[in-house]
């Protein structure tokens, strides 16, 4: 995991997030807070006219729990995440910078609705933003199938 964090370039954000005496996971209030934020966040993602298309056929409860497991682990909580790392999980998806920013905005809204205070609010967003450089692609040619049976997922923005 340390190598993955170093590759992402988020070590500084995570170090800052745990430099206040407690890990970000603890300062947020642990798993119940992550679950609350992610429930709101995934409701927004699934309902969004553009982003929602990327989640068609994906079990919302499962992906919500996986996100809480993953972020909890990053934020210094239990290491129970057993899914794919984001770069591997999203390699078959055409994620543009604009799509990432829309998603990031929905996370910001979810944190606000969940009444996450500063500095935890900004720290969470900084960690999330660090994933942008590994997830966005310049063209559909940058996408790779995870399995032979995969389709490349490329939804045009809804006008």
N, C-alpha and C. Protein backbone atom coordinates (compact mmCIF):
# COMPACT_ATOMS: atom_id res chain seq x y z
N UNK A 1 0.82 -1.20 0.00
CA UNK A 1 0.00 0.00 0.00
C UNK A 1 0.86 1.26 0.00
N UNK A 2 1.97 1.23 0.72
CA UNK A 2 2.85 2.40 0.76
C UNK A 2 3.36 2.75 -0.63
N UNK A 3 3.68 1.72 -1.43
CA UNK A 3 4.16 1.96 -2.79
C UNK A 3 3.05 2.60 -3.63
N UNK A 4 1.84 2.15 -3.45
CA UNK A 4 0.70 2.69 -4.19
C UNK A 4 0.50 4.16 -3.84
N UNK A 5 0.56 4.48 -2.57
CA UNK A 5 0.39 5.86 -2.12
C UNK A 5 1.51 6.73 -2.66
N UNK A 6 2.73 6.20 -2.66
CA UNK A 6 3.85 6.96 -3.21
C UNK A 6 3.67 7.19 -4.70
N UNK A 7 3.20 6.17 -5.44
CA UNK A 7 2.98 6.32 -6.87
C UNK A 7 1.90 7.36 -7.17
N UNK A 8 0.91 7.43 -6.32
CA UNK A 8 -0.16 8.41 -6.51
C UNK A 8 0.29 9.83 -6.25
N UNK A 9 1.31 9.95 -5.45
CA UNK A 9 1.73 11.29 -5.07
C UNK A 9 0.85 11.89 -3.99
N UNK A 10 0.16 11.04 -3.21
CA UNK A 10 -0.72 11.56 -2.17
C UNK A 10 -0.13 11.41 -0.78
N UNK A 11 1.13 10.98 -0.71
CA UNK A 11 1.75 10.79 0.60
C UNK A 11 1.72 12.09 1.40
N UNK A 12 1.97 13.22 0.73
CA UNK A 12 1.98 14.51 1.43
C UNK A 12 0.61 14.85 1.99
N UNK A 13 -0.44 14.59 1.20
CA UNK A 13 -1.80 14.87 1.68
C UNK A 13 -2.14 13.98 2.87
N UNK A 14 -1.76 12.71 2.80
CA UNK A 14 -2.07 11.80 3.90
C UNK A 14 -1.24 12.13 5.13
N UNK A 15 0.00 12.53 4.92
CA UNK A 15 0.86 12.93 6.04
C UNK A 15 0.27 14.15 6.74
N UNK A 16 -0.14 15.14 5.95
CA UNK A 16 -0.76 16.33 6.52
C UNK A 16 -2.05 15.96 7.25
N UNK A 17 -2.81 15.04 6.67
CA UNK A 17 -4.09 14.65 7.27
C UNK A 17 -3.91 13.93 8.60
N UNK A 18 -2.73 13.33 8.84
CA UNK A 18 -2.52 12.65 10.11
C UNK A 18 -1.56 13.41 11.03
N UNK A 19 -1.20 14.62 10.65
CA UNK A 19 -0.21 15.37 11.43
C UNK A 19 -0.82 16.12 12.61
N UNK A 20 -2.08 16.04 12.79
CA UNK A 20 -2.74 16.78 13.87
C UNK A 20 -2.95 15.91 15.12
N UNK A 21 -2.16 14.86 15.24
CA UNK A 21 -2.23 14.02 16.43
C UNK A 21 -3.12 12.82 16.25
N UNK A 22 -4.11 12.90 15.40
CA UNK A 22 -5.00 11.78 15.12
C UNK A 22 -5.06 11.59 13.62
N UNK A 23 -5.28 10.37 13.21
CA UNK A 23 -5.46 10.10 11.78
C UNK A 23 -6.78 10.71 11.33
N UNK A 24 -6.84 11.03 10.05
CA UNK A 24 -8.04 11.63 9.49
C UNK A 24 -9.27 10.74 9.75
N UNK A 25 -9.09 9.44 9.66
CA UNK A 25 -10.18 8.49 9.92
C UNK A 25 -10.80 8.75 11.30
N UNK A 26 -9.96 8.92 12.30
CA UNK A 26 -10.45 9.15 13.67
C UNK A 26 -11.10 10.53 13.80
N UNK A 27 -10.47 11.55 13.22
CA UNK A 27 -11.01 12.90 13.32
C UNK A 27 -12.35 13.04 12.63
N UNK A 28 -12.58 12.21 11.60
CA UNK A 28 -13.87 12.24 10.90
C UNK A 28 -14.97 11.56 11.71
N UNK A 29 -14.59 10.73 12.65
CA UNK A 29 -15.58 9.98 13.41
C UNK A 29 -15.67 8.53 13.00
N UNK A 30 -14.69 8.06 12.24
CA UNK A 30 -14.62 6.65 11.88
C UNK A 30 -15.56 6.25 10.76
N UNK A 31 -15.80 4.97 10.72
CA UNK A 31 -16.58 4.36 9.63
C UNK A 31 -17.99 4.94 9.48
N UNK A 32 -18.71 5.22 10.57
CA UNK A 32 -20.06 5.75 10.37
C UNK A 32 -20.09 7.04 9.54
N UNK A 33 -19.08 7.88 9.69
CA UNK A 33 -19.04 9.12 8.92
C UNK A 33 -18.75 8.82 7.45
N UNK A 34 -17.80 7.93 7.19
CA UNK A 34 -17.51 7.57 5.80
C UNK A 34 -18.75 6.97 5.15
N UNK A 35 -19.44 6.10 5.84
CA UNK A 35 -20.66 5.50 5.29
C UNK A 35 -21.72 6.56 5.00
N UNK A 36 -21.88 7.52 5.89
CA UNK A 36 -22.88 8.58 5.69
C UNK A 36 -22.54 9.42 4.45
N UNK A 37 -21.28 9.82 4.34
CA UNK A 37 -20.86 10.62 3.19
C UNK A 37 -21.02 9.82 1.89
N UNK A 38 -20.57 8.58 1.90
CA UNK A 38 -20.62 7.79 0.67
C UNK A 38 -22.04 7.42 0.27
N UNK A 39 -22.92 7.27 1.21
CA UNK A 39 -24.33 7.01 0.86
C UNK A 39 -24.88 8.20 0.08
N UNK A 40 -24.65 9.39 0.58
CA UNK A 40 -25.11 10.60 -0.11
C UNK A 40 -24.40 10.74 -1.46
N UNK A 41 -23.09 10.53 -1.46
CA UNK A 41 -22.28 10.67 -2.66
C UNK A 41 -22.75 9.74 -3.77
N UNK A 42 -22.96 8.48 -3.45
CA UNK A 42 -23.37 7.53 -4.49
C UNK A 42 -24.82 7.75 -4.92
N UNK A 43 -25.66 8.26 -4.05
CA UNK A 43 -27.00 8.65 -4.50
C UNK A 43 -26.89 9.72 -5.58
N UNK A 44 -26.00 10.68 -5.37
CA UNK A 44 -25.78 11.75 -6.34
C UNK A 44 -25.17 11.20 -7.64
N UNK A 45 -24.17 10.33 -7.52
CA UNK A 45 -23.53 9.77 -8.71
C UNK A 45 -24.52 8.98 -9.55
N UNK A 46 -25.28 8.11 -8.92
CA UNK A 46 -26.23 7.28 -9.66
C UNK A 46 -27.34 8.12 -10.30
N UNK A 47 -27.71 9.22 -9.66
CA UNK A 47 -28.79 10.08 -10.18
C UNK A 47 -28.31 11.05 -11.26
N UNK A 48 -27.01 11.26 -11.36
CA UNK A 48 -26.47 12.25 -12.30
C UNK A 48 -26.68 11.77 -13.74
N UNK A 49 -27.11 12.68 -14.61
CA UNK A 49 -27.44 12.31 -16.00
C UNK A 49 -26.24 11.78 -16.79
N UNK A 50 -25.05 12.20 -16.48
CA UNK A 50 -23.86 11.75 -17.20
C UNK A 50 -23.12 10.68 -16.42
N UNK A 51 -22.76 10.98 -15.20
CA UNK A 51 -21.98 10.04 -14.40
C UNK A 51 -22.77 8.77 -14.10
N UNK A 52 -24.06 8.91 -13.91
CA UNK A 52 -24.89 7.76 -13.60
C UNK A 52 -24.78 6.64 -14.62
N UNK A 53 -24.51 6.99 -15.88
CA UNK A 53 -24.37 5.97 -16.92
C UNK A 53 -23.19 5.04 -16.65
N UNK A 54 -22.18 5.54 -15.98
CA UNK A 54 -21.01 4.71 -15.67
C UNK A 54 -21.32 3.66 -14.60
N UNK A 55 -22.42 3.82 -13.90
CA UNK A 55 -22.76 2.91 -12.80
C UNK A 55 -23.89 1.95 -13.15
N UNK A 56 -24.32 1.97 -14.40
CA UNK A 56 -25.40 1.06 -14.81
C UNK A 56 -24.95 -0.38 -14.60
N UNK A 57 -25.78 -1.15 -13.93
CA UNK A 57 -25.50 -2.56 -13.68
C UNK A 57 -24.56 -2.82 -12.51
N UNK A 58 -24.18 -1.77 -11.77
CA UNK A 58 -23.28 -1.94 -10.63
C UNK A 58 -24.08 -1.78 -9.35
N UNK A 59 -23.95 -2.74 -8.46
CA UNK A 59 -24.67 -2.74 -7.20
C UNK A 59 -24.24 -1.54 -6.34
N UNK A 60 -25.16 -0.65 -6.04
CA UNK A 60 -24.83 0.58 -5.31
C UNK A 60 -24.33 0.30 -3.90
N UNK A 61 -24.97 -0.62 -3.20
CA UNK A 61 -24.56 -0.91 -1.82
C UNK A 61 -23.13 -1.46 -1.79
N UNK A 62 -22.82 -2.34 -2.73
CA UNK A 62 -21.48 -2.92 -2.80
C UNK A 62 -20.43 -1.85 -3.06
N UNK A 63 -20.65 -1.01 -4.06
CA UNK A 63 -19.64 -0.01 -4.40
C UNK A 63 -19.52 1.05 -3.31
N UNK A 64 -20.62 1.36 -2.64
CA UNK A 64 -20.59 2.31 -1.52
C UNK A 64 -19.73 1.76 -0.39
N UNK A 65 -19.93 0.49 -0.06
CA UNK A 65 -19.13 -0.15 0.98
C UNK A 65 -17.66 -0.24 0.59
N UNK A 66 -17.39 -0.56 -0.67
CA UNK A 66 -16.00 -0.64 -1.12
C UNK A 66 -15.32 0.73 -1.01
N UNK A 67 -16.06 1.79 -1.35
CA UNK A 67 -15.49 3.13 -1.26
C UNK A 67 -15.17 3.49 0.19
N UNK A 68 -16.07 3.14 1.11
CA UNK A 68 -15.81 3.40 2.53
C UNK A 68 -14.62 2.58 3.02
N UNK A 69 -14.52 1.33 2.58
CA UNK A 69 -13.36 0.50 2.94
C UNK A 69 -12.07 1.13 2.44
N UNK A 70 -12.07 1.56 1.17
CA UNK A 70 -10.86 2.10 0.56
C UNK A 70 -10.45 3.42 1.20
N UNK A 71 -11.38 4.35 1.31
CA UNK A 71 -11.04 5.65 1.88
C UNK A 71 -10.70 5.51 3.36
N UNK A 72 -11.38 4.63 4.06
CA UNK A 72 -11.05 4.38 5.47
C UNK A 72 -9.61 3.92 5.61
N UNK A 73 -9.19 3.02 4.74
CA UNK A 73 -7.82 2.54 4.75
C UNK A 73 -6.85 3.70 4.47
N UNK A 74 -7.14 4.51 3.46
CA UNK A 74 -6.27 5.64 3.14
C UNK A 74 -6.19 6.63 4.29
N UNK A 75 -7.32 6.83 4.98
CA UNK A 75 -7.38 7.82 6.04
C UNK A 75 -6.85 7.31 7.38
N UNK A 76 -6.32 6.08 7.41
CA UNK A 76 -5.71 5.54 8.62
C UNK A 76 -6.58 4.60 9.41
N UNK A 77 -7.68 4.16 8.83
CA UNK A 77 -8.56 3.21 9.50
C UNK A 77 -8.16 1.78 9.21
N UNK A 78 -9.05 0.84 9.51
CA UNK A 78 -8.73 -0.58 9.31
C UNK A 78 -8.42 -0.88 7.84
N UNK A 79 -7.52 -1.80 7.64
CA UNK A 79 -7.12 -2.20 6.29
C UNK A 79 -7.96 -3.41 5.87
N UNK A 80 -9.22 -3.13 5.54
CA UNK A 80 -10.14 -4.20 5.16
C UNK A 80 -10.53 -4.15 3.69
N UNK A 81 -10.02 -3.17 2.95
CA UNK A 81 -10.35 -3.05 1.53
C UNK A 81 -9.78 -4.24 0.78
N UNK A 82 -10.63 -4.88 -0.06
CA UNK A 82 -10.17 -6.05 -0.81
C UNK A 82 -10.47 -5.92 -2.30
N UNK A 83 -10.85 -4.74 -2.73
CA UNK A 83 -11.16 -4.54 -4.14
C UNK A 83 -9.92 -4.17 -4.95
N UNK A 84 -10.18 -3.78 -6.20
CA UNK A 84 -9.09 -3.34 -7.07
C UNK A 84 -8.69 -1.91 -6.71
N UNK A 85 -7.43 -1.60 -6.89
CA UNK A 85 -6.98 -0.23 -6.73
C UNK A 85 -7.62 0.62 -7.84
N UNK A 86 -7.85 1.89 -7.58
CA UNK A 86 -8.58 2.72 -8.54
C UNK A 86 -8.04 2.70 -9.97
N UNK A 87 -6.74 2.71 -10.14
CA UNK A 87 -6.20 2.71 -11.51
C UNK A 87 -6.60 1.44 -12.25
N UNK A 88 -6.65 0.32 -11.56
CA UNK A 88 -7.05 -0.95 -12.17
C UNK A 88 -8.56 -1.05 -12.35
N UNK A 89 -9.29 -0.54 -11.40
CA UNK A 89 -10.76 -0.61 -11.46
C UNK A 89 -11.34 0.28 -12.55
N UNK A 90 -10.61 1.34 -12.91
CA UNK A 90 -11.14 2.33 -13.86
C UNK A 90 -10.43 2.33 -15.20
N UNK A 91 -9.54 1.39 -15.44
CA UNK A 91 -8.72 1.40 -16.66
C UNK A 91 -9.55 1.28 -17.93
N UNK A 92 -10.74 0.70 -17.85
CA UNK A 92 -11.59 0.50 -19.02
C UNK A 92 -12.59 1.64 -19.22
N UNK A 93 -12.48 2.68 -18.41
CA UNK A 93 -13.43 3.80 -18.46
C UNK A 93 -12.77 5.05 -19.02
N UNK A 94 -13.45 5.68 -19.94
CA UNK A 94 -12.99 6.96 -20.47
C UNK A 94 -13.42 8.04 -19.50
N UNK A 95 -12.48 8.45 -18.67
CA UNK A 95 -12.73 9.48 -17.67
C UNK A 95 -11.96 10.72 -18.10
N UNK A 96 -12.70 11.75 -18.45
CA UNK A 96 -12.09 13.01 -18.85
C UNK A 96 -11.86 13.89 -17.62
N UNK A 97 -11.08 14.93 -17.80
CA UNK A 97 -10.87 15.88 -16.71
C UNK A 97 -12.20 16.50 -16.30
N UNK A 98 -13.05 16.80 -17.27
CA UNK A 98 -14.35 17.38 -16.96
C UNK A 98 -15.21 16.42 -16.13
N UNK A 99 -15.23 15.16 -16.52
CA UNK A 99 -16.00 14.16 -15.77
C UNK A 99 -15.48 14.05 -14.35
N UNK A 100 -14.15 14.02 -14.20
CA UNK A 100 -13.57 13.94 -12.87
C UNK A 100 -13.99 15.15 -12.03
N UNK A 101 -13.96 16.34 -12.61
CA UNK A 101 -14.32 17.56 -11.87
C UNK A 101 -15.79 17.57 -11.47
N UNK A 102 -16.66 17.07 -12.32
CA UNK A 102 -18.08 16.97 -11.96
C UNK A 102 -18.23 16.03 -10.77
N UNK A 103 -17.56 14.88 -10.84
CA UNK A 103 -17.60 13.92 -9.74
C UNK A 103 -17.04 14.53 -8.46
N UNK A 104 -15.94 15.25 -8.58
CA UNK A 104 -15.31 15.89 -7.42
C UNK A 104 -16.27 16.92 -6.80
N UNK A 105 -17.00 17.64 -7.64
CA UNK A 105 -17.99 18.59 -7.14
C UNK A 105 -19.11 17.90 -6.38
N UNK A 106 -19.53 16.72 -6.85
CA UNK A 106 -20.56 15.96 -6.14
C UNK A 106 -20.05 15.47 -4.79
N UNK A 107 -18.77 15.12 -4.73
CA UNK A 107 -18.18 14.76 -3.44
C UNK A 107 -18.18 15.96 -2.51
N UNK A 108 -17.81 17.11 -3.03
CA UNK A 108 -17.80 18.34 -2.22
C UNK A 108 -19.21 18.59 -1.64
N UNK A 109 -20.23 18.46 -2.48
CA UNK A 109 -21.61 18.63 -2.01
C UNK A 109 -21.95 17.61 -0.93
N UNK A 110 -21.53 16.38 -1.12
CA UNK A 110 -21.83 15.31 -0.16
C UNK A 110 -21.16 15.57 1.18
N UNK A 111 -19.92 16.05 1.14
CA UNK A 111 -19.22 16.39 2.39
C UNK A 111 -19.93 17.53 3.11
N UNK A 112 -20.38 18.53 2.36
CA UNK A 112 -21.08 19.66 2.96
C UNK A 112 -22.41 19.21 3.57
N UNK A 113 -23.16 18.39 2.83
CA UNK A 113 -24.44 17.89 3.33
C UNK A 113 -24.26 17.01 4.56
N UNK A 114 -23.11 16.37 4.65
CA UNK A 114 -22.81 15.52 5.81
C UNK A 114 -22.22 16.31 6.97
N UNK A 115 -22.09 17.63 6.76
CA UNK A 115 -21.59 18.54 7.79
C UNK A 115 -20.17 18.19 8.25
N UNK A 116 -19.31 17.86 7.27
CA UNK A 116 -17.90 17.62 7.56
C UNK A 116 -17.24 18.99 7.71
N UNK A 117 -16.55 19.20 8.79
CA UNK A 117 -15.94 20.49 9.11
C UNK A 117 -14.52 20.58 8.57
N UNK A 118 -13.99 21.80 8.58
CA UNK A 118 -12.58 22.02 8.29
C UNK A 118 -11.77 21.63 9.52
N UNK A 119 -10.58 21.13 9.37
CA UNK A 119 -9.82 20.98 8.13
C UNK A 119 -10.10 19.66 7.41
N UNK A 120 -10.91 18.79 8.02
CA UNK A 120 -11.15 17.46 7.44
C UNK A 120 -11.80 17.56 6.05
N UNK A 121 -12.70 18.52 5.87
CA UNK A 121 -13.36 18.73 4.58
C UNK A 121 -12.32 18.90 3.47
N UNK A 122 -11.40 19.84 3.66
CA UNK A 122 -10.38 20.13 2.65
C UNK A 122 -9.39 18.98 2.50
N UNK A 123 -9.07 18.32 3.59
CA UNK A 123 -8.13 17.19 3.52
C UNK A 123 -8.72 16.05 2.70
N UNK A 124 -9.99 15.75 2.91
CA UNK A 124 -10.65 14.69 2.15
C UNK A 124 -10.63 15.04 0.66
N UNK A 125 -10.99 16.28 0.34
CA UNK A 125 -11.00 16.70 -1.06
C UNK A 125 -9.61 16.67 -1.68
N UNK A 126 -8.57 17.01 -0.92
CA UNK A 126 -7.20 16.97 -1.43
C UNK A 126 -6.78 15.54 -1.76
N UNK A 127 -7.13 14.61 -0.90
CA UNK A 127 -6.79 13.21 -1.17
C UNK A 127 -7.54 12.74 -2.41
N UNK A 128 -8.83 13.06 -2.50
CA UNK A 128 -9.61 12.67 -3.66
C UNK A 128 -9.04 13.27 -4.94
N UNK A 129 -8.68 14.54 -4.92
CA UNK A 129 -8.15 15.23 -6.10
C UNK A 129 -6.84 14.61 -6.58
N UNK A 130 -6.09 14.00 -5.67
CA UNK A 130 -4.81 13.39 -6.05
C UNK A 130 -5.00 12.23 -7.03
N UNK A 131 -6.17 11.65 -7.08
CA UNK A 131 -6.44 10.53 -7.98
C UNK A 131 -6.65 10.99 -9.43
N UNK A 132 -6.85 12.28 -9.62
CA UNK A 132 -7.16 12.80 -10.96
C UNK A 132 -6.10 12.39 -11.97
N UNK A 133 -4.84 12.55 -11.63
CA UNK A 133 -3.78 12.31 -12.62
C UNK A 133 -3.68 10.85 -13.05
N UNK A 134 -4.14 9.91 -12.22
CA UNK A 134 -4.06 8.50 -12.63
C UNK A 134 -5.34 8.00 -13.29
N UNK A 135 -6.44 8.75 -13.12
CA UNK A 135 -7.72 8.27 -13.64
C UNK A 135 -8.12 8.89 -14.96
N UNK A 136 -7.75 10.14 -15.20
CA UNK A 136 -8.20 10.78 -16.43
C UNK A 136 -7.39 10.28 -17.63
N UNK A 137 -8.06 10.30 -18.76
CA UNK A 137 -7.44 9.84 -20.00
C UNK A 137 -7.66 10.91 -21.07
N UNK A 138 -6.69 11.03 -21.95
CA UNK A 138 -6.78 12.02 -23.03
C UNK A 138 -7.66 11.54 -24.18
N UNK A 139 -7.66 10.22 -24.39
CA UNK A 139 -8.51 9.67 -25.46
C UNK A 139 -8.94 8.26 -25.08
N UNK A 140 -9.91 7.76 -25.80
CA UNK A 140 -10.41 6.42 -25.55
C UNK A 140 -9.32 5.38 -25.83
N UNK A 141 -8.33 5.75 -26.63
CA UNK A 141 -7.21 4.84 -26.90
C UNK A 141 -6.38 4.56 -25.66
N UNK A 142 -6.49 5.43 -24.65
CA UNK A 142 -5.76 5.24 -23.39
C UNK A 142 -6.45 4.22 -22.48
N UNK A 143 -7.67 3.84 -22.81
CA UNK A 143 -8.43 2.86 -22.01
C UNK A 143 -7.93 1.45 -22.34
N UNK A 144 -7.99 0.58 -21.34
CA UNK A 144 -7.60 -0.82 -21.52
C UNK A 144 -8.64 -1.71 -20.86
N UNK A 145 -8.95 -2.81 -21.52
CA UNK A 145 -9.88 -3.77 -20.95
C UNK A 145 -9.24 -4.43 -19.74
N UNK A 146 -10.05 -4.63 -18.69
CA UNK A 146 -9.57 -5.38 -17.54
C UNK A 146 -9.59 -6.87 -17.85
N UNK A 147 -10.61 -7.28 -18.61
CA UNK A 147 -10.81 -8.67 -19.01
C UNK A 147 -11.16 -8.69 -20.48
N UNK A 148 -10.99 -9.82 -21.13
CA UNK A 148 -11.34 -9.93 -22.55
C UNK A 148 -12.81 -9.63 -22.80
N UNK A 149 -13.64 -9.90 -21.82
CA UNK A 149 -15.08 -9.69 -21.98
C UNK A 149 -15.52 -8.25 -21.69
N UNK A 150 -14.61 -7.42 -21.21
CA UNK A 150 -14.93 -6.02 -20.90
C UNK A 150 -15.24 -5.23 -22.16
N UNK A 151 -16.11 -4.25 -21.98
CA UNK A 151 -16.30 -3.21 -22.98
C UNK A 151 -15.56 -1.98 -22.46
N UNK A 152 -15.10 -1.15 -23.37
CA UNK A 152 -14.57 0.15 -22.99
C UNK A 152 -15.80 1.03 -22.71
N UNK A 153 -15.81 1.64 -21.55
CA UNK A 153 -16.96 2.46 -21.13
C UNK A 153 -16.65 3.91 -21.46
N UNK A 154 -17.45 4.47 -22.36
CA UNK A 154 -17.21 5.82 -22.83
C UNK A 154 -18.57 6.47 -23.08
N UNK A 155 -19.06 7.20 -22.11
CA UNK A 155 -20.34 7.89 -22.24
C UNK A 155 -20.09 9.35 -22.54
N UNK A 156 -20.69 9.81 -23.60
CA UNK A 156 -20.58 11.23 -23.94
C UNK A 156 -21.38 12.04 -22.94
N UNK A 157 -20.93 13.26 -22.73
CA UNK A 157 -21.61 14.15 -21.80
C UNK A 157 -23.02 14.42 -22.29
N UNK A 158 -23.99 14.33 -21.36
CA UNK A 158 -25.37 14.64 -21.69
C UNK A 158 -25.51 16.15 -21.83
N UNK A 159 -26.15 16.56 -22.89
CA UNK A 159 -26.31 18.02 -23.12
C UNK A 159 -27.54 18.56 -22.44
